[in-house]
């Protein structure tokens, strides 16, 4: 038989149509006569009685547990006794023979009753209405990722509009002030405006120096944070410290967990945080198709209404970087937050200006940018660029093979197999020193030409057998000019393969050696012996001298 409602309906129908007695109905439906009488009296079955579970062994300890619950009312929040602790104390201090389930159920029932008896009002959440474009909430949350094969703890900045629920997320290696500011800038750019009323925050050290207790949410703010708020034109609303403040911005608190469970589980495997943030931008866009709780409209639909009501963005972008002035050491490195970064060798011994940002650092030489690095996450890590040492390696080519800069370039994929092949062939033809210098000249071409053009020039030069930076430069310009990878005209003769030869290589190398595939030059060396005959010649006089002229007299 189905539910009790259906049973009662069938009993009432049989009694009405067939006129059966109570006993007959009880036999047909195999129920007690009491059930038949209940069905005939009312079509609604009575509620089932739930037997009350009794714990007779706990009865004598209930006053003690009530006392502990009253002590919890004045104890620090993080040092209040739980049901587990109370059960342990009953066993250890009073030798009580009670189960944990009995203690747990009694504490859950009595906790609120004790609160009311003490004149406290149980915590109640009041639903709030947020005007479009007026409010937002910001918070940080911890996330774990597999960064370059290593499990790494990172911090996710979350910005959430209170009306639509549109959220912007970014992951940084720290939750420092530069990450805090950069997250705001990305969020403002993404939503196309600034909340008109205020943004809610915890008391983060990136914004707040001191919390003034006993006052109406007064805070001593960081000067740079005040400058940032003034630049973008918004007010900050600081929540109460502790768990009470978390309820004041519950939207973003729940958003951190929701996004982490939805998109960051399992842990993403990435090579850089920039790669992860690019993925997060796509996920944020996909989240606009979701509905929050029981709303009839999607997040994207509500955000479309909210976006025109946001405050305008300033015309100038705020620089979120922290300005530092480290000195460049003898290795061409600067130390920033326990990590080392390379700069051009010409800056050795000088102080440089560094803009430390959440995801990168920018090094300035005066007003010009000298270097830019992705921020190193690991303490004691390094970011070294081979290009910064090329001028030094041109004078010391023997230092290149074992240099840290070359190893870093190979690991990053900047020093490609094409460079390796050119270097190997150049050393074979020109020798180690000269061949390495030719490679360095090729690497210097990357400063003024696109990398794809230089690689094409290297491959073209290797194809025609010319391991010279001059040939690479010519072929790279040909590739950049739209001629693609077409070979030199002399190399396109169908009868035999031709090879381009560098005159510099021909001049410096041994004449008897085979250079770039050419046969040895058997012609005799030039000589200047024929020019000695010119020294013995005399210019003939233009006219003949008379005898009198030789004697110094003249005749008439």
Protein backbone atom coordinates (compact mmCIF):
# COMPACT_ATOMS: atom_id res chain seq x y z
CA UNK A 1 0.00 0.00 0.00
CA UNK A 2 1.12 3.52 -0.65
CA UNK A 3 1.16 6.39 1.84
CA UNK A 4 -1.10 6.73 4.86
CA UNK A 5 -3.19 9.35 3.05
CA UNK A 6 -3.93 6.85 0.27
CA UNK A 7 -4.77 4.15 2.85
CA UNK A 8 -7.25 6.42 4.62
CA UNK A 9 -8.81 7.34 1.27
CA UNK A 10 -9.31 3.67 0.31
CA UNK A 11 -10.82 2.83 3.70
CA UNK A 12 -13.29 5.73 3.47
CA UNK A 13 -14.24 4.79 -0.11
CA UNK A 14 -14.85 1.11 0.79
CA UNK A 15 -17.03 2.16 3.73
CA UNK A 16 -18.95 4.64 1.59
CA UNK A 17 -19.52 2.47 -1.52
CA UNK A 18 -19.72 -1.01 -0.11
CA UNK A 19 -20.99 -0.23 3.38
CA UNK A 20 -18.47 -2.52 5.10
CA UNK A 21 -18.21 -2.64 8.87
CA UNK A 22 -15.17 -1.68 10.90
CA UNK A 23 -14.16 -5.30 11.36
CA UNK A 24 -14.55 -6.04 7.63
CA UNK A 25 -12.50 -2.99 6.72
CA UNK A 26 -9.77 -3.97 9.20
CA UNK A 27 -9.57 -7.48 7.69
CA UNK A 28 -9.53 -6.22 4.09
CA UNK A 29 -6.83 -3.63 4.60
CA UNK A 30 -4.98 -5.62 7.30
CA UNK A 31 -4.89 -2.78 9.79
CA UNK A 32 -6.09 -2.37 13.37
CA UNK A 33 -9.68 -1.39 14.04
CA UNK A 34 -8.35 1.77 15.71
CA UNK A 35 -6.79 2.79 12.38
CA UNK A 36 -10.12 2.20 10.59
CA UNK A 37 -11.94 4.39 13.10
CA UNK A 38 -9.33 7.15 12.64
CA UNK A 39 -9.75 6.98 8.86
CA UNK A 40 -13.54 7.16 9.11
CA UNK A 41 -13.30 10.10 11.53
CA UNK A 42 -10.90 12.25 9.42
CA UNK A 43 -9.21 11.95 6.01
CA UNK A 44 -6.04 13.46 7.51
CA UNK A 45 -3.87 10.87 9.27
CA UNK A 46 -2.73 11.91 12.76
CA UNK A 47 0.93 12.79 13.25
CA UNK A 48 3.13 9.93 14.25
CA UNK A 49 4.40 10.17 17.76
CA UNK A 50 8.15 10.39 17.97
CA UNK A 51 9.32 8.65 21.10
CA UNK A 52 11.32 10.93 23.32
CA UNK A 53 14.81 9.61 23.84
CA UNK A 54 15.69 9.56 27.46
CA UNK A 55 19.13 9.48 28.97
CA UNK A 56 18.60 8.46 32.60
CA UNK A 57 22.35 8.30 33.28
CA UNK A 58 22.70 11.98 32.31
CA UNK A 59 19.93 13.28 34.60
CA UNK A 60 22.20 13.82 37.61
CA UNK A 61 24.75 15.74 35.51
CA UNK A 62 22.37 18.13 33.75
CA UNK A 63 22.74 20.89 36.40
CA UNK A 64 26.52 20.66 35.99
CA UNK A 65 26.28 20.99 32.20
CA UNK A 66 23.93 23.98 32.62
CA UNK A 67 26.56 25.65 34.78
CA UNK A 68 29.21 25.11 32.12
CA UNK A 69 26.91 26.63 29.52
CA UNK A 70 26.48 29.71 31.71
CA UNK A 71 30.27 29.99 32.08
CA UNK A 72 30.51 30.00 28.28
CA UNK A 73 28.51 33.23 28.20
CA UNK A 74 31.39 35.18 29.79
CA UNK A 75 34.34 33.14 28.46
CA UNK A 76 36.40 34.27 25.44
CA UNK A 77 34.83 33.11 22.19
CA UNK A 78 37.74 30.94 21.20
CA UNK A 79 37.99 29.31 24.63
CA UNK A 80 34.41 28.25 25.21
CA UNK A 81 33.73 24.63 26.06
CA UNK A 82 32.29 22.46 23.33
CA UNK A 83 30.12 19.39 23.77
CA UNK A 84 33.21 17.25 23.18
CA UNK A 85 35.08 18.99 25.99
CA UNK A 86 32.12 18.69 28.35
CA UNK A 87 31.85 14.96 27.68
CA UNK A 88 35.58 14.56 28.34
CA UNK A 89 35.30 16.43 31.65
CA UNK A 90 32.35 14.27 32.73
CA UNK A 91 34.42 11.16 32.12
CA UNK A 92 37.67 12.41 33.65
CA UNK A 93 36.48 14.52 36.59
CA UNK A 94 33.18 12.84 37.54
CA UNK A 95 33.56 9.25 36.26
CA UNK A 96 30.22 9.57 34.50
CA UNK A 97 28.98 6.62 32.46
CA UNK A 98 27.34 8.69 29.70
CA UNK A 99 27.65 8.62 25.93
CA UNK A 100 28.87 11.49 23.81
CA UNK A 101 25.60 11.47 21.80
CA UNK A 102 23.56 12.10 24.95
CA UNK A 103 25.77 15.03 25.97
CA UNK A 104 25.77 16.45 22.43
CA UNK A 105 21.96 16.38 22.11
CA UNK A 106 21.41 17.95 25.53
CA UNK A 107 23.95 20.76 24.90
CA UNK A 108 22.38 21.54 21.51
CA UNK A 109 18.96 21.85 23.15
CA UNK A 110 19.99 23.79 26.25
CA UNK A 111 22.50 26.23 24.73
CA UNK A 112 19.80 28.54 23.29
CA UNK A 113 17.59 28.15 26.38
CA UNK A 114 20.44 29.21 28.68
CA UNK A 115 21.08 32.20 26.41
CA UNK A 116 17.44 33.31 26.71
CA UNK A 117 17.42 32.71 30.49
CA UNK A 118 20.40 35.04 30.81
CA UNK A 119 18.53 37.80 28.98
CA UNK A 120 20.52 37.46 25.76
CA UNK A 121 18.86 37.63 22.37
CA UNK A 122 19.87 34.78 20.07
CA UNK A 123 21.71 35.88 16.96
CA UNK A 124 19.29 36.70 14.17
CA UNK A 125 20.15 37.57 10.59
CA UNK A 126 18.09 40.35 9.02
CA UNK A 127 17.78 40.22 5.20
CA UNK A 128 19.27 43.28 3.52
CA UNK A 129 18.36 45.13 0.32
CA UNK A 130 21.29 46.50 -1.69
CA UNK A 131 20.72 49.27 -4.21
CA UNK A 132 22.19 48.70 -7.70
CA UNK A 133 25.67 50.17 -8.19
CA UNK A 134 25.97 51.29 -4.56
CA UNK A 135 27.86 48.65 -2.54
CA UNK A 136 30.54 46.01 -2.88
CA UNK A 137 32.49 43.68 -0.58
CA UNK A 138 36.16 42.65 -0.63
CA UNK A 139 38.02 39.81 1.06
CA UNK A 140 41.05 37.54 0.74
CA UNK A 141 40.94 33.74 0.87
CA UNK A 142 43.64 31.08 0.86
CA UNK A 143 44.00 28.74 -2.13
CA UNK A 144 46.50 25.99 -2.96
CA UNK A 145 47.80 25.41 -6.48
CA UNK A 146 50.42 23.24 -8.18
CA UNK A 147 52.74 26.00 -9.37
CA UNK A 148 55.49 24.75 -11.70
CA UNK A 149 55.14 21.30 -10.17
CA UNK A 150 55.25 22.51 -6.54
CA UNK A 151 52.27 22.66 -4.18
CA UNK A 152 52.08 26.37 -3.29
CA UNK A 153 49.90 28.40 -0.96
CA UNK A 154 48.49 31.53 -2.61
CA UNK A 155 45.90 34.18 -1.79
CA UNK A 156 42.74 34.92 -3.77
CA UNK A 157 41.46 38.50 -3.87
CA UNK A 158 37.66 38.59 -4.25
CA UNK A 159 35.57 41.64 -5.15
CA UNK A 160 31.76 41.19 -5.15
CA UNK A 161 29.01 43.66 -6.05
CA UNK A 162 26.33 43.38 -3.37
CA UNK A 163 23.31 43.87 -5.65
CA UNK A 164 23.99 41.60 -8.63
CA UNK A 165 26.53 39.25 -7.06
CA UNK A 166 28.97 39.87 -9.93
CA UNK A 167 32.39 38.85 -8.59
CA UNK A 168 35.98 39.39 -9.73
CA UNK A 169 38.74 37.07 -8.52
CA UNK A 170 42.53 37.28 -8.78
CA UNK A 171 45.20 35.02 -7.26
CA UNK A 172 48.46 36.49 -5.94
CA UNK A 173 51.47 35.09 -4.13
CA UNK A 174 50.85 37.38 -1.14
CA UNK A 175 48.07 39.46 0.37
CA UNK A 176 50.30 42.51 0.67
CA UNK A 177 49.14 46.05 -0.01
CA UNK A 178 50.33 45.96 -3.62
CA UNK A 179 48.18 42.85 -4.23
CA UNK A 180 45.28 44.53 -2.42
CA UNK A 181 45.49 47.63 -4.63
CA UNK A 182 46.11 45.73 -7.85
CA UNK A 183 43.07 43.56 -7.19
CA UNK A 184 40.91 46.67 -6.82
CA UNK A 185 42.25 48.16 -10.05
CA UNK A 186 41.54 44.97 -12.01
CA UNK A 187 38.05 44.77 -10.50
CA UNK A 188 37.22 48.39 -11.32
CA UNK A 189 38.47 47.96 -14.88
CA UNK A 190 36.50 44.73 -15.26
CA UNK A 191 33.15 46.12 -14.08
CA UNK A 192 33.75 49.50 -15.73
CA UNK A 193 33.19 51.70 -12.69
CA UNK A 194 33.36 52.22 -8.91
CA UNK A 195 30.59 51.54 -6.31
CA UNK A 196 28.84 54.81 -5.56
CA UNK A 197 28.22 54.33 -1.81
CA UNK A 198 30.98 52.26 -0.19
CA UNK A 199 32.96 49.01 -0.16
CA UNK A 200 32.98 46.74 2.90
CA UNK A 201 36.24 45.39 4.35
CA UNK A 202 37.74 43.46 7.20
CA UNK A 203 40.38 45.29 9.18
CA UNK A 204 43.18 44.29 6.79
CA UNK A 205 46.65 45.63 7.50
CA UNK A 206 46.84 46.66 3.85
CA UNK A 207 44.26 49.35 4.64
CA UNK A 208 44.11 49.79 8.42
CA UNK A 209 46.90 50.69 10.80
CA UNK A 210 44.90 50.72 14.03
CA UNK A 211 41.39 49.74 15.11
CA UNK A 212 40.04 52.26 17.65
CA UNK A 213 37.92 50.14 19.99
CA UNK A 214 34.94 51.67 21.75
CA UNK A 215 34.28 54.04 18.86
CA UNK A 216 31.85 54.00 15.97
CA UNK A 217 33.99 52.01 13.50
CA UNK A 218 36.80 54.54 13.54
CA UNK A 219 40.09 53.38 12.01
CA UNK A 220 43.57 54.79 11.44
CA UNK A 221 44.19 54.08 7.75
CA UNK A 222 47.42 53.72 5.75
CA UNK A 223 48.38 56.86 3.88
CA UNK A 224 48.77 55.03 0.57
CA UNK A 225 45.34 53.44 1.01
CA UNK A 226 43.80 56.87 1.69
CA UNK A 227 45.49 58.16 -1.47
CA UNK A 228 44.10 55.22 -3.45
CA UNK A 229 40.55 55.78 -2.20
CA UNK A 230 40.79 59.47 -2.96
CA UNK A 231 42.04 58.72 -6.48
CA UNK A 232 39.10 56.42 -7.29
CA UNK A 233 36.54 58.32 -5.22
CA UNK A 234 34.90 55.76 -2.92
CA UNK A 235 34.37 55.29 0.82
CA UNK A 236 35.38 52.32 2.96
CA UNK A 237 33.04 50.59 5.43
CA UNK A 238 34.99 48.59 8.03
CA UNK A 239 33.23 45.61 9.61
CA UNK A 240 33.39 44.74 13.28
CA UNK A 241 36.44 42.73 14.34
CA UNK A 242 36.04 38.97 14.72
CA UNK A 243 33.21 36.68 13.76
CA UNK A 244 30.61 39.43 14.17
CA UNK A 245 32.16 41.38 11.32
CA UNK A 246 32.10 38.37 9.02
CA UNK A 247 28.28 38.44 9.09
CA UNK A 248 28.31 42.04 7.88
CA UNK A 249 29.84 40.99 4.57
CA UNK A 250 28.49 37.48 4.29
CA UNK A 251 28.11 37.75 0.52
CA UNK A 252 31.83 37.84 -0.19
CA UNK A 253 32.58 35.34 2.61
CA UNK A 254 30.37 32.80 0.87
CA UNK A 255 31.66 33.77 -2.57
CA UNK A 256 35.25 32.89 -1.65
CA UNK A 257 34.24 29.37 -0.68
CA UNK A 258 31.86 28.90 -3.62
CA UNK A 259 34.43 29.92 -6.22
CA UNK A 260 37.13 27.81 -4.57
CA UNK A 261 34.93 24.71 -4.54
CA UNK A 262 33.59 25.28 -8.07
CA UNK A 263 36.70 26.19 -10.05
CA UNK A 264 39.78 25.48 -7.91
CA UNK A 265 38.97 21.89 -6.93
CA UNK A 266 41.02 19.88 -7.59
CA UNK A 267 44.10 22.08 -7.33
CA UNK A 268 44.92 23.60 -10.75
CA UNK A 269 48.32 22.73 -12.23
CA UNK A 270 49.88 25.85 -13.76
CA UNK A 271 53.27 27.23 -14.75
CA UNK A 272 52.63 30.80 -13.55
CA UNK A 273 50.04 32.84 -11.70
CA UNK A 274 49.47 34.87 -14.86
CA UNK A 275 48.28 31.67 -16.54
CA UNK A 276 45.92 30.97 -13.63
CA UNK A 277 44.49 34.50 -13.63
CA UNK A 278 43.81 34.24 -17.36
CA UNK A 279 41.78 31.11 -16.62
CA UNK A 280 39.99 32.88 -13.75
CA UNK A 281 38.89 35.70 -16.08
CA UNK A 282 37.10 33.15 -18.26
CA UNK A 283 35.52 31.51 -15.20
CA UNK A 284 34.26 34.88 -13.94
CA UNK A 285 32.54 35.40 -17.28
CA UNK A 286 30.92 31.95 -17.15
CA UNK A 287 29.65 32.65 -13.63
CA UNK A 288 27.40 35.38 -15.03
CA UNK A 289 25.06 32.60 -16.24
CA UNK A 290 24.40 31.29 -12.73
CA UNK A 291 21.53 32.17 -10.37
CA UNK A 292 22.07 33.06 -6.71
CA UNK A 293 19.79 31.16 -4.35
CA UNK A 294 16.21 31.35 -5.65
CA UNK A 295 16.54 34.41 -7.84
CA UNK A 296 14.64 34.35 -11.11
CA UNK A 297 17.31 36.39 -12.94
CA UNK A 298 20.91 35.51 -13.69
CA UNK A 299 23.93 37.35 -12.32
CA UNK A 300 24.72 38.76 -15.76
CA UNK A 301 21.20 40.16 -16.14
CA UNK A 302 21.35 41.93 -12.78
CA UNK A 303 24.85 43.23 -13.54
CA UNK A 304 23.64 44.71 -16.84
CA UNK A 305 21.18 46.82 -14.83
CA UNK A 306 23.78 47.71 -12.21
CA UNK A 307 26.68 48.66 -14.47
CA UNK A 308 25.35 52.05 -15.71
CA UNK A 309 24.76 53.13 -12.10
CA UNK A 310 28.41 52.73 -11.02
CA UNK A 311 30.60 55.74 -10.45
CA UNK A 312 33.01 56.75 -13.25
CA UNK A 313 36.64 55.62 -13.43
CA UNK A 314 39.39 58.26 -13.20
CA UNK A 315 41.21 59.21 -16.38
CA UNK A 316 44.63 58.18 -15.01
CA UNK A 317 45.49 54.70 -13.78
CA UNK A 318 46.89 54.45 -10.25
CA UNK A 319 50.30 52.79 -9.90
CA UNK A 320 49.81 50.08 -7.26
CA UNK A 321 53.53 49.35 -6.91
CA UNK A 322 55.52 49.92 -3.76
CA UNK A 323 58.57 52.09 -4.56
CA UNK A 324 61.94 50.75 -3.37
CA UNK A 325 65.55 51.80 -4.07
CA UNK A 326 67.89 48.76 -3.90
CA UNK A 327 71.52 48.84 -5.01
CA UNK A 328 72.76 46.66 -7.87
CA UNK A 329 75.49 44.24 -6.72
CA UNK A 330 78.57 43.09 -8.66
CA UNK A 331 76.60 40.25 -10.24
CA UNK A 332 74.07 42.64 -11.75
CA UNK A 333 71.36 41.60 -9.26
CA UNK A 334 69.05 43.49 -6.93
CA UNK A 335 67.39 41.99 -3.85
CA UNK A 336 63.67 42.69 -3.37
CA UNK A 337 61.69 40.96 -0.61
CA UNK A 338 64.20 38.09 -0.22
CA UNK A 339 64.33 37.40 -3.98
CA UNK A 340 66.96 38.40 -6.56
CA UNK A 341 66.34 39.95 -9.98
CA UNK A 342 68.82 40.80 -12.75
CA UNK A 343 69.21 44.25 -14.30
CA UNK A 344 71.40 45.49 -17.20
CA UNK A 345 75.09 45.26 -16.35
CA UNK A 346 75.63 48.98 -16.92
CA UNK A 347 73.74 49.65 -13.66
CA UNK A 348 76.16 47.70 -11.44
CA UNK A 349 77.00 49.67 -8.30
CA UNK A 350 74.13 52.13 -8.70
CA UNK A 351 70.81 52.48 -6.88
CA UNK A 352 67.75 51.92 -9.03
CA UNK A 353 64.06 52.66 -8.53
CA UNK A 354 61.85 49.60 -8.31
CA UNK A 355 58.08 49.46 -8.50
CA UNK A 356 57.12 46.30 -6.57
CA UNK A 357 53.72 45.06 -7.71
CA UNK A 358 51.62 42.03 -6.86
CA UNK A 359 52.55 40.00 -9.93
CA UNK A 360 55.67 41.73 -11.27
CA UNK A 361 58.46 44.18 -10.50
CA UNK A 362 59.54 47.02 -12.80
CA UNK A 363 63.04 48.50 -12.58
CA UNK A 364 63.63 52.07 -13.72
CA UNK A 365 66.85 53.81 -14.71
CA UNK A 366 65.80 57.40 -14.17
CA UNK A 367 62.52 57.72 -16.07
CA UNK A 368 63.25 54.85 -18.46
CA UNK A 369 62.24 51.26 -17.82
CA UNK A 370 65.38 49.13 -17.47
CA UNK A 371 63.92 45.70 -16.64
CA UNK A 372 60.66 43.92 -15.93
CA UNK A 373 60.31 40.58 -14.12
CA UNK A 374 57.48 38.37 -13.00
CA UNK A 375 57.45 38.47 -9.22
CA UNK A 376 59.24 35.52 -7.65
CA UNK A 377 57.02 33.59 -5.24
CA UNK A 378 59.63 31.48 -3.46
CA UNK A 379 61.82 33.11 -0.83
CA UNK A 380 65.43 33.10 -1.98
CA UNK A 381 64.41 32.57 -5.62
CA UNK A 382 65.95 34.27 -8.63
CA UNK A 383 64.80 35.76 -11.93
CA UNK A 384 67.75 36.23 -14.28
CA UNK A 385 67.59 37.44 -17.89
CA UNK A 386 70.42 36.57 -20.28
CA UNK A 387 70.00 39.81 -22.23
CA UNK A 388 71.19 41.84 -19.24
CA UNK A 389 74.69 40.30 -19.46
CA UNK A 390 75.35 40.38 -23.23
CA UNK A 391 77.69 43.40 -23.15
CA UNK A 392 79.81 41.71 -20.48
CA UNK A 393 79.78 38.36 -22.29
CA UNK A 394 80.93 40.07 -25.47
CA UNK A 395 84.18 40.88 -23.61
CA UNK A 396 84.22 37.57 -21.69
CA UNK A 397 82.81 34.96 -24.08
CA UNK A 398 84.28 32.12 -22.03
CA UNK A 399 81.88 32.91 -19.19
CA UNK A 400 78.78 32.11 -21.23
CA UNK A 401 78.69 28.26 -21.20
CA UNK A 402 78.55 27.93 -17.41
CA UNK A 403 76.60 31.09 -16.62
CA UNK A 404 73.43 31.09 -14.53
CA UNK A 405 71.85 33.44 -17.05
CA UNK A 406 72.24 30.88 -19.87
CA UNK A 407 70.78 28.11 -17.70
CA UNK A 408 67.79 30.33 -16.86
CA UNK A 409 67.30 31.21 -20.54
CA UNK A 410 67.31 27.54 -21.50
CA UNK A 411 64.83 26.67 -18.76
CA UNK A 412 62.52 29.50 -19.81
CA UNK A 413 62.71 28.47 -23.47
CA UNK A 414 64.20 31.79 -24.55
CA UNK A 415 67.45 30.15 -25.67
CA UNK A 416 66.01 27.85 -28.31
CA UNK A 417 67.35 24.89 -30.25
CA UNK A 418 68.01 27.27 -33.14
CA UNK A 419 70.38 29.28 -30.94
CA UNK A 420 72.04 26.07 -29.79
CA UNK A 421 72.57 24.88 -33.37
CA UNK A 422 73.99 28.25 -34.46
CA UNK A 423 76.36 28.34 -31.46
CA UNK A 424 77.61 24.83 -32.10
CA UNK A 425 78.20 25.47 -35.81
CA UNK A 426 79.78 28.86 -35.16
CA UNK A 427 82.30 27.43 -32.69
CA UNK A 428 83.13 24.67 -35.13
CA UNK A 429 83.94 27.16 -37.89
CA UNK A 430 85.24 30.19 -35.97
CA UNK A 431 86.59 28.70 -32.77
CA UNK A 432 85.20 29.00 -29.26
CA UNK A 433 85.80 32.69 -28.57
CA UNK A 434 84.94 34.11 -31.99
CA UNK A 435 82.06 31.69 -32.40
CA UNK A 436 80.58 32.67 -29.04
CA UNK A 437 80.91 36.35 -29.91
CA UNK A 438 78.98 35.70 -33.13
CA UNK A 439 76.23 34.12 -31.03
CA UNK A 440 76.16 37.12 -28.71
CA UNK A 441 75.77 39.44 -31.69
CA UNK A 442 72.82 37.31 -32.78
CA UNK A 443 71.30 37.55 -29.31
CA UNK A 444 71.67 41.32 -29.43
CA UNK A 445 69.46 41.34 -32.53
CA UNK A 446 66.51 40.42 -30.29
CA UNK A 447 66.58 43.93 -28.83
CA UNK A 448 65.68 45.55 -32.13
CA UNK A 449 63.86 42.76 -33.99
CA UNK A 450 61.06 40.34 -33.35
CA UNK A 451 62.08 36.99 -31.93
CA UNK A 452 60.33 35.08 -34.71
CA UNK A 453 62.30 37.03 -37.34
CA UNK A 454 65.64 36.38 -35.62
CA UNK A 455 64.87 32.66 -35.33
CA UNK A 456 63.96 32.60 -39.02
CA UNK A 457 67.22 34.39 -39.82
CA UNK A 458 69.22 31.83 -37.82
CA UNK A 459 67.60 28.92 -39.63
CA UNK A 460 68.14 30.54 -43.01
CA UNK A 461 71.80 31.20 -42.20
CA UNK A 462 72.30 27.60 -41.09
CA UNK A 463 70.62 26.38 -44.27
CA UNK A 464 73.07 28.26 -46.48
CA UNK A 465 76.02 27.36 -44.22
CA UNK A 466 76.87 30.88 -43.04
CA UNK A 467 77.30 31.13 -39.26
CA UNK A 468 77.69 34.89 -39.11
CA UNK A 469 75.62 37.46 -37.24
CA UNK A 470 75.66 39.65 -40.36
CA UNK A 471 73.99 36.95 -42.43
CA UNK A 472 71.45 36.29 -39.66
CA UNK A 473 70.60 40.00 -39.54
CA UNK A 474 70.10 40.16 -43.33
CA UNK A 475 67.92 37.05 -43.40
CA UNK A 476 65.93 38.26 -40.38
CA UNK A 477 65.20 41.56 -42.11
CA UNK A 478 64.16 39.66 -45.24
CA UNK A 479 61.77 37.56 -43.15
CA UNK A 480 60.39 40.68 -41.42
CA UNK A 481 59.91 42.35 -44.79
CA UNK A 482 57.51 39.67 -45.98
CA UNK A 483 59.80 37.50 -48.12
CA UNK A 484 59.29 34.66 -45.65
CA UNK A 485 61.99 32.08 -45.50
CA UNK A 486 63.04 32.37 -49.17
CA UNK A 487 66.70 31.65 -49.61
CA UNK A 488 69.28 33.85 -51.22
CA UNK A 489 69.11 33.94 -55.01
CA UNK A 490 72.52 32.35 -55.35
CA UNK A 491 71.25 29.40 -53.34
CA UNK A 492 68.33 28.73 -55.68
CA UNK A 493 70.27 27.49 -58.71
CA UNK A 494 68.90 24.07 -59.69
CA UNK A 495 72.15 22.57 -60.93
CA UNK A 496 73.92 22.45 -57.59
CA UNK A 497 73.53 23.68 -54.07
CA UNK A 498 75.20 27.04 -53.44
CA UNK A 499 76.28 28.40 -50.10
CA UNK A 500 76.68 31.95 -48.85
CA UNK A 501 80.06 32.71 -47.32
CA UNK A 502 80.83 35.49 -44.87
CA UNK A 503 83.77 37.59 -46.06
CA UNK A 504 84.72 38.17 -42.42
CA UNK A 505 84.99 34.43 -41.87
CA UNK A 506 86.97 34.09 -45.11
CA UNK A 507 89.38 36.80 -44.07
CA UNK A 508 90.00 35.55 -40.53
CA UNK A 509 90.16 31.83 -41.15
CA UNK A 510 93.06 29.73 -42.39
CA UNK A 511 93.18 30.03 -46.24
CA UNK A 512 94.02 26.36 -46.50
CA UNK A 513 90.93 25.30 -44.58
CA UNK A 514 87.60 24.48 -46.10
CA UNK A 515 85.34 27.41 -45.19
CA UNK A 516 81.57 27.08 -45.39
CA UNK A 517 81.90 24.28 -47.92
CA UNK A 518 84.26 26.07 -50.40
CA UNK A 519 87.37 24.40 -51.81
CA UNK A 520 90.73 25.69 -50.57
CA UNK A 521 92.14 28.80 -52.28
CA UNK A 522 95.33 27.69 -54.18
CA UNK A 523 96.13 31.04 -55.76
CA UNK A 524 99.53 32.57 -54.84
CA UNK A 525 99.60 35.22 -52.21
CA UNK A 526 99.71 38.79 -53.55
CA UNK A 527 103.13 40.61 -53.63
CA UNK A 528 104.26 44.22 -53.94
CA UNK A 529 107.65 43.46 -55.58
CA UNK A 530 106.52 44.93 -58.91
CA UNK A 531 106.07 48.29 -57.35
CA UNK A 532 109.84 48.59 -56.65
CA UNK A 533 110.51 49.33 -60.33
CA UNK A 534 108.61 52.55 -60.00
CA UNK A 535 111.10 53.83 -57.47
CA UNK A 536 113.99 53.64 -60.02
CA UNK A 537 112.27 55.65 -62.68
CA UNK A 538 112.93 59.41 -63.14
CA UNK A 539 110.72 61.92 -64.67
CA UNK A 540 112.21 63.28 -68.01
CA UNK A 541 112.81 67.16 -68.13
CA UNK A 542 110.25 69.18 -70.01
CA UNK A 543 112.98 71.09 -72.02
CA UNK A 544 116.84 70.82 -72.77
CA UNK A 545 119.28 72.97 -70.86
CA UNK A 546 121.92 75.08 -72.85
CA UNK A 547 125.68 75.08 -72.04
CA UNK A 548 125.59 78.68 -71.05
CA UNK A 549 122.87 77.98 -68.59
CA UNK A 550 125.02 75.36 -66.98
CA UNK A 551 127.89 77.86 -66.72
CA UNK A 552 125.67 80.57 -65.36
CA UNK A 553 126.22 83.01 -68.37
CA UNK A 554 124.05 84.11 -71.25
CA UNK A 555 125.06 85.16 -74.78
CA UNK A 556 123.61 88.01 -76.81
